[in-house]
Amino acid sequence: MSDLLFVVIIVVFFLLARMFVRACDRIIGADEEATTPTATAPTPTEPKQVAA
C-alpha cells in the first residue's frame, strides 16, 4: 500500500510541476530562444588540444 501511495505522490508532484510551468508560460510567454533555431547559432569547431 505504501508503494502505491509513493507512486501517487510522485505523479501528483509532476502534474503540479507541469501546471506551474504552463502557468508561468502564460504569464511571461514561452521561451522562444530555446525553441526556434537562429541563423546566428554557433557552428561546431574542431576541439583544441590544451595539454600535452
C-alpha atoms as a PDB file:
ATOM      1  CA  MET A   1       0.000   0.000   0.000  1.00  0.00           C
ATOM      2  CA  SER A   2       2.835   2.396   0.791  1.00  0.00           C
ATOM      3  CA  ASP A   3       4.327   1.759  -2.674  1.00  0.00           C
ATOM      4  CA  LEU A   4       1.083   2.813  -4.315  1.00  0.00           C
ATOM      5  CA  LEU A   5       0.917   5.927  -2.153  1.00  0.00           C
ATOM      6  CA  PHE A   6       4.501   6.792  -3.129  1.00  0.00           C
ATOM      7  CA  VAL A   7       3.706   6.442  -6.844  1.00  0.00           C
ATOM      8  CA  VAL A   8       0.588   8.581  -6.470  1.00  0.00           C
ATOM      9  CA  ILE A   9       2.552  11.295  -4.661  1.00  0.00           C
ATOM     10  CA  ILE A  10       5.237  11.297  -7.375  1.00  0.00           C
ATOM     11  CA  VAL A  11       2.639  11.519 -10.163  1.00  0.00           C
ATOM     12  CA  VAL A  12       0.823  14.351  -8.406  1.00  0.00           C
ATOM     13  CA  PHE A  13       4.121  16.190  -7.897  1.00  0.00           C
ATOM     14  CA  PHE A  14       4.984  16.049 -11.602  1.00  0.00           C
ATOM     15  CA  LEU A  15       1.462  17.091 -12.598  1.00  0.00           C
ATOM     16  CA  LEU A  16       1.698  20.105 -10.291  1.00  0.00           C
ATOM     17  CA  ALA A  17       5.121  20.975 -11.706  1.00  0.00           C
ATOM     18  CA  ARG A  18       3.742  20.812 -15.243  1.00  0.00           C
ATOM     19  CA  MET A  19       0.825  23.046 -14.280  1.00  0.00           C
ATOM     20  CA  PHE A  20       3.255  25.521 -12.701  1.00  0.00           C
ATOM     21  CA  VAL A  21       5.361  25.683 -15.885  1.00  0.00           C
ATOM     22  CA  ARG A  22       2.261  26.198 -18.024  1.00  0.00           C
ATOM     23  CA  ALA A  23       1.058  28.977 -15.724  1.00  0.00           C
ATOM     24  CA  CYS A  24       4.455  30.679 -15.930  1.00  0.00           C
ATOM     25  CA  ASP A  25       4.426  30.363 -19.732  1.00  0.00           C
ATOM     26  CA  ARG A  26       1.044  32.091 -19.815  1.00  0.00           C
ATOM     27  CA  ILE A  27       2.309  34.911 -17.618  1.00  0.00           C
ATOM     28  CA  ILE A  28       5.691  35.612 -19.230  1.00  0.00           C
ATOM     29  CA  GLY A  29       5.357  33.758 -22.536  1.00  0.00           C
ATOM     30  CA  ALA A  30       7.172  30.742 -23.894  1.00  0.00           C
ATOM     31  CA  ASP A  31      10.936  30.746 -24.201  1.00  0.00           C
ATOM     32  CA  GLU A  32      11.227  31.497 -27.925  1.00  0.00           C
ATOM     33  CA  GLU A  33      15.024  31.407 -27.933  1.00  0.00           C
ATOM     34  CA  ALA A  34      15.200  27.783 -26.839  1.00  0.00           C
ATOM     35  CA  THR A  35      12.522  26.503 -29.223  1.00  0.00           C
ATOM     36  CA  THR A  36      13.436  28.168 -32.519  1.00  0.00           C
ATOM     37  CA  PRO A  37      16.794  27.793 -34.255  1.00  0.00           C
ATOM     38  CA  THR A  38      18.540  31.014 -35.200  1.00  0.00           C
ATOM     39  CA  ALA A  39      20.808  31.874 -38.083  1.00  0.00           C
ATOM     40  CA  THR A  40      23.457  33.089 -35.661  1.00  0.00           C
ATOM     41  CA  ALA A  41      23.830  29.744 -33.934  1.00  0.00           C
ATOM     42  CA  PRO A  42      27.490  28.856 -33.415  1.00  0.00           C
ATOM     43  CA  THR A  43      28.916  26.231 -35.720  1.00  0.00           C
ATOM     44  CA  PRO A  44      30.799  23.301 -34.245  1.00  0.00           C
ATOM     45  CA  THR A  45      34.575  23.627 -34.402  1.00  0.00           C
ATOM     46  CA  GLU A  46      37.444  21.238 -34.018  1.00  0.00           C
ATOM     47  CA  PRO A  47      38.492  20.674 -30.407  1.00  0.00           C
ATOM     48  CA  LYS A  48      41.713  22.357 -29.369  1.00  0.00           C
ATOM     49  CA  GLN A  49      44.439  20.462 -27.550  1.00  0.00           C
ATOM     50  CA  VAL A  50      45.107  22.288 -24.292  1.00  0.00           C
ATOM     51  CA  ALA A  51      47.510  19.906 -22.530  1.00  0.00           C
ATOM     52  CA  ALA A  52      50.217  17.508 -23.609  1.00  0.00           C
END
